Protein backbone atom coordinates (compact mmCIF):
# COMPACT_ATOMS: atom_id res chain seq x y z
CA UNK A 1 108.61 60.20 84.95
CA UNK A 2 106.89 60.37 81.67
CA UNK A 3 108.46 63.70 80.55
CA UNK A 4 111.86 62.56 81.83
CA UNK A 5 111.78 59.01 80.52
CA UNK A 6 115.10 59.41 78.73
CA UNK A 7 116.79 60.39 82.00
CA UNK A 8 115.14 57.39 83.79
CA UNK A 9 116.46 55.04 81.19
CA UNK A 10 119.95 56.65 80.97
CA UNK A 11 120.44 56.15 84.81
CA UNK A 12 118.94 52.72 84.93
CA UNK A 13 116.06 53.59 87.18
CA UNK A 14 113.30 51.75 85.34
CA UNK A 15 112.62 49.20 88.09
CA UNK A 16 112.74 51.86 90.84
CA UNK A 17 110.36 54.13 88.83
CA UNK A 18 107.94 51.21 88.16
CA UNK A 19 108.01 50.29 91.88
CA UNK A 20 107.36 53.90 92.85
CA UNK A 21 104.47 54.15 90.30
CA UNK A 22 102.96 50.88 91.50
CA UNK A 23 103.09 52.13 95.12
CA UNK A 24 101.32 55.34 94.24
CA UNK A 25 98.87 53.48 91.97
CA UNK A 26 98.05 51.07 94.77
CA UNK A 27 97.27 53.94 97.15
CA UNK A 28 95.07 55.42 94.56
CA UNK A 29 93.43 52.11 93.91
CA UNK A 30 92.64 51.59 97.63
CA UNK A 31 91.34 55.10 98.10
CA UNK A 32 89.27 54.89 94.99
CA UNK A 33 87.85 51.43 95.90
CA UNK A 34 86.88 52.54 99.35
CA UNK A 35 85.23 55.70 98.12
CA UNK A 36 83.28 53.79 95.48
CA UNK A 37 82.34 51.04 97.92
CA UNK A 38 81.03 53.46 100.49
CA UNK A 39 79.14 55.53 97.90
CA UNK A 40 77.70 52.29 96.32
CA UNK A 41 76.66 50.67 99.57
CA UNK A 42 74.80 53.67 101.03
CA UNK A 43 71.81 53.35 98.62
CA UNK A 44 71.18 49.60 99.24
CA UNK A 45 71.50 50.15 103.06
CA UNK A 46 68.90 53.01 102.93
CA UNK A 47 66.55 50.86 100.78
CA UNK A 48 67.02 48.00 103.33
CA UNK A 49 66.20 50.23 106.25
CA UNK A 50 63.16 51.62 104.36
CA UNK A 51 61.96 48.06 103.69
CA UNK A 52 62.45 47.00 107.24
CA UNK A 53 60.32 49.93 108.27
CA UNK A 54 57.54 48.72 105.83
CA UNK A 55 57.78 45.15 107.36
CA UNK A 56 57.63 46.54 110.87
CA UNK A 57 54.57 48.68 110.20
CA UNK A 58 52.85 45.82 108.41
CA UNK A 59 53.48 43.31 111.21
CA UNK A 60 52.64 45.62 114.12
CA UNK A 61 49.71 47.11 112.21
CA UNK A 62 48.38 43.60 111.35
CA UNK A 63 48.48 42.61 114.93
CA UNK A 64 46.67 45.74 116.09
CA UNK A 65 44.02 45.30 113.42
CA UNK A 66 43.31 41.78 114.58
CA UNK A 67 42.77 43.10 117.99
CA UNK A 68 40.56 45.86 116.45
CA UNK A 69 42.83 48.58 118.05
CA UNK A 70 43.22 50.36 114.65
CA UNK A 71 41.56 50.24 111.24
CA UNK A 72 43.13 48.91 108.12
CA UNK A 73 43.35 52.42 106.62
CA UNK A 74 45.61 53.45 109.50
CA UNK A 75 48.28 50.89 108.37
CA UNK A 76 48.22 52.31 104.84
CA UNK A 77 48.59 55.84 106.31
CA UNK A 78 51.60 54.75 108.45
CA UNK A 79 53.24 53.16 105.39
CA UNK A 80 52.87 56.44 103.47
CA UNK A 81 54.34 58.33 106.45
CA UNK A 82 57.25 55.99 106.50
CA UNK A 83 57.85 56.32 102.79
CA UNK A 84 57.73 60.17 103.03
CA UNK A 85 60.15 60.13 105.96
CA UNK A 86 62.82 57.91 104.29
CA UNK A 87 62.56 59.44 100.80
CA UNK A 88 64.67 62.62 101.50
CA UNK A 89 67.20 60.53 103.41
CA UNK A 90 67.52 58.11 100.46
CA UNK A 91 67.88 61.01 98.03
CA UNK A 92 70.59 62.54 100.19
CA UNK A 93 72.41 59.20 100.33
CA UNK A 94 72.16 58.89 96.59
CA UNK A 95 74.32 62.05 96.07
CA UNK A 96 76.74 61.40 98.96
CA UNK A 97 79.67 61.03 96.54
CA UNK A 98 78.81 64.39 95.00
CA UNK A 99 78.70 65.98 98.50
CA UNK A 100 82.19 64.48 99.21
CA UNK A 101 83.56 65.99 96.05
CA UNK A 102 81.88 69.37 96.84
CA UNK A 103 83.44 69.50 100.25
CA UNK A 104 86.90 68.82 98.84
CA UNK A 105 86.37 71.45 96.13
CA UNK A 106 85.06 73.94 98.65
CA UNK A 107 88.28 73.65 100.62
CA UNK A 108 90.34 74.64 97.61
CA UNK A 109 87.88 77.41 96.64
CA UNK A 110 88.10 78.93 100.24
CA UNK A 111 91.89 78.48 100.19
CA UNK A 112 91.97 80.73 97.05
CA UNK A 113 89.55 83.22 98.61
CA UNK A 114 91.69 83.48 101.72
CA UNK A 115 94.76 84.47 99.77
CA UNK A 116 95.97 88.09 100.24
CA UNK A 117 94.41 90.47 97.76
CA UNK A 118 96.52 92.21 95.21
CA UNK A 119 97.01 95.93 95.92
CA UNK A 120 94.33 97.68 93.85
CA UNK A 121 95.26 100.01 91.04
CA UNK A 122 95.54 103.70 91.70
CA UNK A 123 92.21 105.56 90.86
CA UNK A 124 94.10 108.35 89.11
CA UNK A 125 96.72 106.09 87.52
CA UNK A 126 99.40 107.87 85.60
CA UNK A 127 100.85 106.84 82.21
CA UNK A 128 104.02 107.63 80.30
CA UNK A 129 103.25 108.39 76.63
CA UNK A 130 106.82 108.20 75.40
CA UNK A 131 108.97 106.34 77.97
CA UNK A 132 112.67 107.33 77.93
CA UNK A 133 113.74 104.50 80.22
CA UNK A 134 115.19 106.28 83.23
CA UNK A 135 114.86 103.87 86.13
CA UNK A 136 115.54 104.75 89.74
CA UNK A 137 115.54 102.51 92.89
CA UNK A 138 115.23 104.82 95.94
CA UNK A 139 116.04 103.18 99.26
CA UNK A 140 114.05 99.99 98.36
CA UNK A 141 113.32 97.40 100.98
CA UNK A 142 111.80 94.00 100.29
CA UNK A 143 111.32 90.55 101.68
CA UNK A 144 109.06 87.59 100.85
CA UNK A 145 107.89 87.65 104.48
CA UNK A 146 107.68 90.51 107.00
CA UNK A 147 110.30 89.09 109.28
CA UNK A 148 112.88 88.17 106.56
CA UNK A 149 114.42 91.07 104.56
CA UNK A 150 115.99 90.03 101.23
CA UNK A 151 116.78 93.53 99.78
CA UNK A 152 117.47 96.42 102.07
CA UNK A 153 118.26 100.00 101.32
CA UNK A 154 118.91 99.46 97.61
CA UNK A 155 119.72 102.60 95.56
CA UNK A 156 120.23 102.47 91.79
CA UNK A 157 120.14 105.32 89.24
CA UNK A 158 119.92 104.17 85.66
CA UNK A 159 120.09 106.75 82.81
CA UNK A 160 118.00 106.34 79.61
CA UNK A 161 119.74 103.98 77.12
CA UNK A 162 122.19 102.56 79.61
CA UNK A 163 123.01 98.83 79.74
CA UNK A 164 123.02 97.66 83.29
CA UNK A 165 124.50 94.22 84.11
CA UNK A 166 123.50 92.47 87.35
CA UNK A 167 125.85 89.73 88.61
CA UNK A 168 126.23 87.72 91.74
CA UNK A 169 125.98 84.23 93.20
CA UNK A 170 122.76 82.23 93.17
CA UNK A 171 120.13 83.59 95.65
CA UNK A 172 121.74 87.04 95.70
CA UNK A 173 118.43 88.73 94.63
CA UNK A 174 119.08 89.35 90.89
CA UNK A 175 115.82 88.01 89.62
CA UNK A 176 113.96 89.45 92.59
CA UNK A 177 115.19 92.89 91.57
CA UNK A 178 113.60 92.41 88.06
CA UNK A 179 110.37 91.12 89.61
CA UNK A 180 110.10 94.25 91.73
CA UNK A 181 110.75 96.47 88.70
CA UNK A 182 107.87 94.85 86.87
CA UNK A 183 105.71 95.06 90.03
CA UNK A 184 105.19 91.34 90.51
CA UNK A 185 105.76 91.97 94.19
CA UNK A 186 104.97 95.06 96.21
CA UNK A 187 107.75 96.90 98.07
CA UNK A 188 107.95 97.05 101.89
CA UNK A 189 109.58 100.46 101.84
CA UNK A 190 111.16 102.91 99.42
CA UNK A 191 110.05 103.42 95.82
CA UNK A 192 110.89 102.62 92.20
CA UNK A 193 110.37 105.28 89.53
CA UNK A 194 110.43 105.22 85.75
CA UNK A 195 111.01 108.65 84.14
CA UNK A 196 110.22 110.06 87.61
CA UNK A 197 106.87 108.36 87.93
CA UNK A 198 106.52 105.91 90.83
CA UNK A 199 105.53 102.39 89.49
CA UNK A 200 102.71 102.11 92.09
CA UNK A 201 101.04 105.16 90.47
CA UNK A 202 100.80 103.40 87.09
CA UNK A 203 98.51 100.68 85.96
CA UNK A 204 100.22 97.29 85.97
CA UNK A 205 99.33 96.66 82.33
CA UNK A 206 100.76 100.05 81.28
CA UNK A 207 103.95 99.47 83.28
CA UNK A 208 104.54 96.00 81.89
CA UNK A 209 104.00 97.16 78.30
CA UNK A 210 107.19 99.19 78.60
CA UNK A 211 109.29 95.99 79.12
CA UNK A 212 110.51 93.33 76.81
CA UNK A 213 111.91 90.13 78.31
CA UNK A 214 114.22 87.43 76.94
CA UNK A 215 114.60 84.67 79.54
CA UNK A 216 116.88 81.70 79.96
CA UNK A 217 113.77 79.47 79.87
CA UNK A 218 112.21 80.07 76.46
CA UNK A 219 108.43 80.16 76.25
CA UNK A 220 106.78 79.15 72.99
CA UNK A 221 103.31 77.81 72.46
CA UNK A 222 101.85 75.30 70.26
CA UNK A 223 101.34 77.09 66.92
CA UNK A 224 103.14 78.43 63.88
CA UNK A 225 106.40 80.21 64.18
CA UNK A 226 104.69 83.28 62.69
CA UNK A 227 102.17 83.28 65.55
CA UNK A 228 104.80 82.82 68.21
CA UNK A 229 106.75 85.84 66.99
CA UNK A 230 103.59 87.92 66.39
CA UNK A 231 102.66 87.29 70.09
CA UNK A 232 105.09 90.18 70.85
CA UNK A 233 102.68 92.80 69.53
CA UNK A 234 98.98 92.69 68.91
CA UNK A 235 98.02 93.41 65.29
CA UNK A 236 101.53 92.86 63.88
CA UNK A 237 101.60 92.20 60.11
CA UNK A 238 103.50 89.34 58.44
CA UNK A 239 106.10 91.84 56.99
CA UNK A 240 106.79 93.25 60.48
CA UNK A 241 107.23 89.64 61.79
CA UNK A 242 109.72 88.87 59.04
CA UNK A 243 111.67 92.07 59.72
CA UNK A 244 111.88 91.21 63.36
CA UNK A 245 113.11 87.66 62.51
CA UNK A 246 115.76 89.19 60.21
CA UNK A 247 116.96 91.50 62.95
CA UNK A 248 117.20 88.58 65.34
CA UNK A 249 119.23 86.53 62.78
CA UNK A 250 116.41 83.94 62.77
CA UNK A 251 115.06 84.40 59.28
CA UNK A 252 117.62 82.12 57.58
CA UNK A 253 116.93 79.06 59.78
CA UNK A 254 113.16 79.62 59.59
CA UNK A 255 113.19 79.55 55.81
CA UNK A 256 115.16 76.29 55.79
CA UNK A 257 112.37 74.59 57.73
CA UNK A 258 109.77 72.55 55.53
CA UNK A 259 106.99 75.08 56.00
CA UNK A 260 108.99 78.22 56.73
CA UNK A 261 107.10 80.67 58.94
CA UNK A 262 104.03 78.30 58.91
CA UNK A 263 106.02 75.51 60.65
CA UNK A 264 103.94 74.39 63.59
CA UNK A 265 105.81 73.99 66.87
CA UNK A 266 104.72 71.13 69.12
CA UNK A 267 103.69 71.58 72.78
CA UNK A 268 107.34 71.48 74.06
CA UNK A 269 108.67 73.18 70.89
CA UNK A 270 111.08 70.17 70.75
CA UNK A 271 111.05 70.22 66.92
CA UNK A 272 113.62 73.01 66.88
CA UNK A 273 116.82 73.49 68.81
CA UNK A 274 117.44 75.42 72.02
CA UNK A 275 119.35 78.10 70.18
CA UNK A 276 116.62 78.50 67.61
CA UNK A 277 114.01 78.84 70.36
CA UNK A 278 116.07 81.59 71.89
CA UNK A 279 116.36 83.39 68.49
CA UNK A 280 112.57 83.28 68.17
CA UNK A 281 112.03 84.82 71.64
CA UNK A 282 114.47 87.61 70.74
CA UNK A 283 112.54 88.21 67.49
CA UNK A 284 109.42 88.52 69.55
CA UNK A 285 111.01 91.10 71.88
CA UNK A 286 112.25 93.07 68.83
CA UNK A 287 108.74 93.13 67.41
CA UNK A 288 107.38 94.34 70.74
CA UNK A 289 109.78 97.34 70.48
CA UNK A 290 110.00 97.88 74.29
CA UNK A 291 111.46 100.94 76.03
CA UNK A 292 113.17 98.79 78.63
CA UNK A 293 114.73 95.42 77.96
CA UNK A 294 115.34 92.54 80.43
CA UNK A 295 117.79 89.75 79.49
CA UNK A 296 117.98 86.92 81.97
CA UNK A 297 120.80 84.54 81.04
CA UNK A 298 119.61 84.41 77.45
CA UNK A 299 122.77 82.66 76.13
CA UNK A 300 123.58 80.21 78.86
CA UNK A 301 122.20 77.06 77.28
CA UNK A 302 123.39 77.38 73.72
CA UNK A 303 126.59 76.47 71.83
CA UNK A 304 129.31 79.07 71.16
CA UNK A 305 128.44 79.62 67.49
CA UNK A 306 124.74 80.18 68.33
CA UNK A 307 125.73 82.41 71.15
CA UNK A 308 127.51 84.69 68.63
CA UNK A 309 124.26 85.00 66.59
CA UNK A 310 122.21 85.57 69.76
CA UNK A 311 124.72 88.15 71.00
CA UNK A 312 124.50 90.04 67.70
CA UNK A 313 120.70 89.96 67.86
CA UNK A 314 120.66 91.15 71.43
CA UNK A 315 123.09 93.99 70.59
CA UNK A 316 120.73 95.25 67.93
CA UNK A 317 117.80 94.78 70.24
CA UNK A 318 119.57 96.77 73.11
CA UNK A 319 120.60 99.69 70.82
CA UNK A 320 119.16 102.87 72.30
CA UNK A 321 117.19 101.12 74.99
CA UNK A 322 117.69 100.88 78.73
CA UNK A 323 118.66 97.24 79.31
CA UNK A 324 118.97 95.08 82.44
CA UNK A 325 121.20 92.07 81.78
CA UNK A 326 121.41 89.23 84.34
CA UNK A 327 124.52 87.18 83.59
CA UNK A 328 126.75 84.45 85.06
CA UNK A 329 128.98 84.31 82.00
CA UNK A 330 130.84 87.61 82.76
CA UNK A 331 132.52 87.81 79.35
CA UNK A 332 129.17 88.78 77.89
CA UNK A 333 128.78 91.90 79.93
CA UNK A 334 132.19 93.55 79.74
CA UNK A 335 130.79 96.48 77.62
CA UNK A 336 127.99 97.31 80.09
CA UNK A 337 127.61 100.89 81.14
CA UNK A 338 127.14 99.87 84.75
CA UNK A 339 127.69 96.55 86.49
CA UNK A 340 125.86 95.88 89.83
CA UNK A 341 127.45 93.19 91.93
CA UNK A 342 124.82 91.62 94.31
CA UNK A 343 125.22 89.44 97.30
CA UNK A 344 122.62 88.61 99.93
CA UNK A 345 120.24 91.15 98.61
CA UNK A 346 122.57 94.17 98.69
CA UNK A 347 124.67 95.79 95.97
CA UNK A 348 128.17 95.34 97.28
CA UNK A 349 129.97 96.79 94.26
CA UNK A 350 129.08 98.88 91.15
CA UNK A 351 130.92 100.44 88.33
CA UNK A 352 132.23 99.60 84.93
CA UNK A 353 134.16 96.43 84.08
CA UNK A 354 137.57 98.11 84.19
CA UNK A 355 136.71 99.91 87.49
CA UNK A 356 135.65 96.73 89.24
CA UNK A 357 138.62 94.74 88.08
CA UNK A 358 140.97 97.56 89.24
CA UNK A 359 139.22 97.54 92.64
CA UNK A 360 140.29 93.92 93.07
CA UNK A 361 137.08 93.02 95.01
CA UNK A 362 134.43 90.33 94.75
CA UNK A 363 133.85 90.99 91.01
CA UNK A 364 137.44 90.69 90.16
CA UNK A 365 137.63 87.37 92.02
CA UNK A 366 134.47 86.20 90.22
CA UNK A 367 135.77 87.28 86.79
CA UNK A 368 139.27 85.82 87.21
CA UNK A 369 137.90 82.47 88.45
CA UNK A 370 135.97 82.02 85.18
CA UNK A 371 139.24 82.12 83.18
CA UNK A 372 141.83 80.76 85.66
CA UNK A 373 139.79 78.50 87.88
CA UNK A 374 142.33 79.32 90.67
CA UNK A 375 141.01 82.48 92.27
CA UNK A 376 139.39 81.90 95.68
CA UNK A 377 136.04 83.46 96.17
CA UNK A 378 135.65 85.11 99.55
CA UNK A 379 132.30 85.80 101.16
CA UNK A 380 132.02 89.56 101.21
CA UNK A 381 129.92 91.43 103.81
CA UNK A 382 126.65 92.91 102.64
CA UNK A 383 127.98 96.37 103.36
């Protein structure tokens, strides 16, 4: 509600939001009040029980002393015994609220410990000194759970320097394919190789250093623009950062800011526009100088003029690199060397833009619908 307060006000949901907040706040108040009451009352109760014990020993002991059944020193001894008996219980009661918090925390700790372990790195891990960017998916099979297969028998052969576009409806498995390539998930069957080396034989850090990513959701941290771009490569100099910004067509707008490269971005980076954020992430990717590039809908949330700048920057970035481009706006991927059309986890069509249009299949329907709005999209089989 706080981060989206403009949306709440725009749709007139203030009263509903306040009511929802009050309801949650009331539940928190009740839970907090009860917890504090129980924690606060335990100590007085234990003190009362201890004092009742003293009174009981004193009365019974006094009666027995008058009858000369015990001596006065026996009463003092029993009072000490009572005190020693109740002291540990009182101390335990005094930290009852800490014990409750410990039990709640322990549940979360053990929940983390019970999670499935990450597959350990290979002992004799291989590395690629000068990656060329040849990527091969060989009969790959994957699903988020053992009984549900998302990707089955996927075969892709990407040559070094090729631009591969991945298109398809939402949930087709486009982003999952990229996650498998970067080994964020482990395969169920088959294998993925880079320059002939299976990715499971490499160290994850070495594998991921080969990739540069420009995503639809830009990620910038609270700091200067210089620091945000320099995040792409450790030890980068200021001149290298400026060169990367020029290549990304970001240098001009950066220099128009009050403090230039020393301009501090706030937590949400809301003091620059969405297109400017995207140019900074492209500059960061250029500085990283990756062998393989991943572009995930990098121009979907910017205006047409900014898209032209971003497209120019991306073309320079993609020059001579193997590139995977996820796109919904098909006009941006017409020049791709290979277009993979995915649906329900399978590649149903592949080829160049002209070949797929000539085939008149799912891609042709998808492409034409973006310009005419009249083509009917059929649900193709996953074959």
